[in-house]
Amino acid sequence: MVRSYALLSPGPLLDDLAALVIQLDDTELVGGDIAIHLVEIGYCNVRCADAIDFASALRLRLRRYVHLPEVAEAARQDFRACESQTLNR
């Protein structure tokens, strides 16, 4: 079921995000995902309409991580590579 959060209060979206974070139980993965996408918005001309749009996109990514462990593992490797590059500058 696809929900339109633009017409709702953000409460249900935040509840969904909280449930996905608990289900993933991987703060490094979730934090890395949020950090990378915030950098993309801030410095790489990626556009996001508002906080609900950002949170909705995060929800979709987290859902993919839950349902496709190989996607989550690939994201972890990408985040580690970004972190390594940052530390080696």
C-alpha atoms as a PDB file:
ATOM      1  CA  MET A   1       0.000   0.000   0.000  1.00  0.00           C
ATOM      2  CA  VAL A   2       1.401   3.378  -1.042  1.00  0.00           C
ATOM      3  CA  ARG A   3       0.519   6.254   1.242  1.00  0.00           C
ATOM      4  CA  SER A   4       0.452   9.901   0.281  1.00  0.00           C
ATOM      5  CA  TYR A   5       2.102  11.640   3.216  1.00  0.00           C
ATOM      6  CA  ALA A   6       1.772  15.042   1.577  1.00  0.00           C
ATOM      7  CA  LEU A   7      -1.898  15.048   2.564  1.00  0.00           C
ATOM      8  CA  LEU A   8      -1.389  13.595   6.042  1.00  0.00           C
ATOM      9  CA  SER A   9       0.342  14.686   9.171  1.00  0.00           C
ATOM     10  CA  PRO A  10       3.923  13.405   9.322  1.00  0.00           C
ATOM     11  CA  GLY A  11       3.075  11.118  12.267  1.00  0.00           C
ATOM     12  CA  PRO A  12       2.367   7.954  10.228  1.00  0.00           C
ATOM     13  CA  LEU A  13       5.510   8.513   8.155  1.00  0.00           C
ATOM     14  CA  LEU A  14       7.616   8.913  11.291  1.00  0.00           C
ATOM     15  CA  ASP A  15       6.030   5.776  12.751  1.00  0.00           C
ATOM     16  CA  ASP A  16       6.930   3.854   9.587  1.00  0.00           C
ATOM     17  CA  LEU A  17      10.503   5.155   9.743  1.00  0.00           C
ATOM     18  CA  ALA A  18      10.842   4.209  13.403  1.00  0.00           C
ATOM     19  CA  ALA A  19       9.588   0.686  12.698  1.00  0.00           C
ATOM     20  CA  LEU A  20      12.029   0.264   9.802  1.00  0.00           C
ATOM     21  CA  VAL A  21      14.969   1.542  11.868  1.00  0.00           C
ATOM     22  CA  ILE A  22      14.088  -0.916  14.636  1.00  0.00           C
ATOM     23  CA  GLN A  23      13.689  -3.725  12.124  1.00  0.00           C
ATOM     24  CA  LEU A  24      17.058  -2.988  10.495  1.00  0.00           C
ATOM     25  CA  ASP A  25      18.799  -2.613  13.866  1.00  0.00           C
ATOM     26  CA  ASP A  26      21.813  -1.063  12.130  1.00  0.00           C
ATOM     27  CA  THR A  27      22.517   2.507  13.210  1.00  0.00           C
ATOM     28  CA  GLU A  28      25.591   2.719  10.996  1.00  0.00           C
ATOM     29  CA  LEU A  29      23.569   1.854   7.885  1.00  0.00           C
ATOM     30  CA  VAL A  30      20.711   4.218   8.708  1.00  0.00           C
ATOM     31  CA  GLY A  31      23.017   7.046   9.782  1.00  0.00           C
ATOM     32  CA  GLY A  32      25.219   6.600   6.724  1.00  0.00           C
ATOM     33  CA  ASP A  33      22.216   6.683   4.423  1.00  0.00           C
ATOM     34  CA  ILE A  34      20.878   9.869   5.988  1.00  0.00           C
ATOM     35  CA  ALA A  35      24.301  11.553   5.980  1.00  0.00           C
ATOM     36  CA  ILE A  36      25.061  10.722   2.339  1.00  0.00           C
ATOM     37  CA  HIS A  37      21.696  11.979   1.149  1.00  0.00           C
ATOM     38  CA  LEU A  38      21.961  15.186   3.186  1.00  0.00           C
ATOM     39  CA  VAL A  39      25.372  15.857   1.610  1.00  0.00           C
ATOM     40  CA  GLU A  40      23.881  15.228  -1.836  1.00  0.00           C
ATOM     41  CA  ILE A  41      21.145  17.778  -1.127  1.00  0.00           C
ATOM     42  CA  GLY A  42      23.548  20.292   0.367  1.00  0.00           C
ATOM     43  CA  TYR A  43      26.413  20.053  -2.103  1.00  0.00           C
ATOM     44  CA  CYS A  44      25.496  18.013  -5.185  1.00  0.00           C
ATOM     45  CA  ASN A  45      22.427  19.783  -6.559  1.00  0.00           C
ATOM     46  CA  VAL A  46      20.073  16.977  -5.556  1.00  0.00           C
ATOM     47  CA  ARG A  47      16.666  18.490  -4.918  1.00  0.00           C
ATOM     48  CA  CYS A  48      14.147  17.627  -2.244  1.00  0.00           C
ATOM     49  CA  ALA A  49      10.820  19.461  -1.997  1.00  0.00           C
ATOM     50  CA  ASP A  50      10.575  19.386   1.789  1.00  0.00           C
ATOM     51  CA  ALA A  51      11.246  17.295   4.885  1.00  0.00           C
ATOM     52  CA  ILE A  52       8.340  14.962   4.126  1.00  0.00           C
ATOM     53  CA  ASP A  53       9.764  14.325   0.654  1.00  0.00           C
ATOM     54  CA  PHE A  54      13.179  13.565   2.206  1.00  0.00           C
ATOM     55  CA  ALA A  55      11.660  11.272   4.844  1.00  0.00           C
ATOM     56  CA  SER A  56       9.494   9.498   2.257  1.00  0.00           C
ATOM     57  CA  ALA A  57      12.553   8.780   0.108  1.00  0.00           C
ATOM     58  CA  LEU A  58      14.401   7.552   3.213  1.00  0.00           C
ATOM     59  CA  ARG A  59      11.478   5.252   3.985  1.00  0.00           C
ATOM     60  CA  LEU A  60      11.667   3.729   0.504  1.00  0.00           C
ATOM     61  CA  ARG A  61      15.422   3.129   0.826  1.00  0.00           C
ATOM     62  CA  LEU A  62      15.081   1.605   4.298  1.00  0.00           C
ATOM     63  CA  ARG A  63      12.283  -0.638   3.083  1.00  0.00           C
ATOM     64  CA  ARG A  64      14.564  -1.858   0.269  1.00  0.00           C
ATOM     65  CA  TYR A  65      17.313  -2.552   2.823  1.00  0.00           C
ATOM     66  CA  VAL A  66      14.886  -4.622   4.910  1.00  0.00           C
ATOM     67  CA  HIS A  67      13.569  -6.648   1.974  1.00  0.00           C
ATOM     68  CA  LEU A  68      16.828  -6.974   0.014  1.00  0.00           C
ATOM     69  CA  PRO A  69      19.787  -7.716   2.307  1.00  0.00           C
ATOM     70  CA  GLU A  70      22.159  -7.588  -0.676  1.00  0.00           C
ATOM     71  CA  VAL A  71      21.129  -3.974  -1.311  1.00  0.00           C
ATOM     72  CA  ALA A  72      21.767  -3.144   2.349  1.00  0.00           C
ATOM     73  CA  GLU A  73      25.205  -4.760   2.174  1.00  0.00           C
ATOM     74  CA  ALA A  74      26.080  -2.852  -1.007  1.00  0.00           C
ATOM     75  CA  ALA A  75      25.024   0.395   0.707  1.00  0.00           C
ATOM     76  CA  ARG A  76      27.203  -0.445   3.746  1.00  0.00           C
ATOM     77  CA  GLN A  77      30.189  -0.969   1.452  1.00  0.00           C
ATOM     78  CA  ASP A  78      29.498   2.315  -0.358  1.00  0.00           C
ATOM     79  CA  PHE A  79      29.246   4.190   2.951  1.00  0.00           C
ATOM     80  CA  ARG A  80      32.503   2.640   4.202  1.00  0.00           C
ATOM     81  CA  ALA A  81      34.247   3.627   0.961  1.00  0.00           C
ATOM     82  CA  CYS A  82      33.001   7.221   1.317  1.00  0.00           C
ATOM     83  CA  GLU A  83      34.111   7.295   4.945  1.00  0.00           C
ATOM     84  CA  SER A  84      37.528   5.923   4.031  1.00  0.00           C
ATOM     85  CA  GLN A  85      37.991   8.526   1.289  1.00  0.00           C
ATOM     86  CA  THR A  86      37.027  11.295   3.705  1.00  0.00           C
ATOM     87  CA  LEU A  87      39.482  10.095   6.352  1.00  0.00           C
ATOM     88  CA  ASN A  88      42.318   9.810   3.824  1.00  0.00           C
ATOM     89  CA  ARG A  89      42.093  13.421   2.634  1.00  0.00           C
END
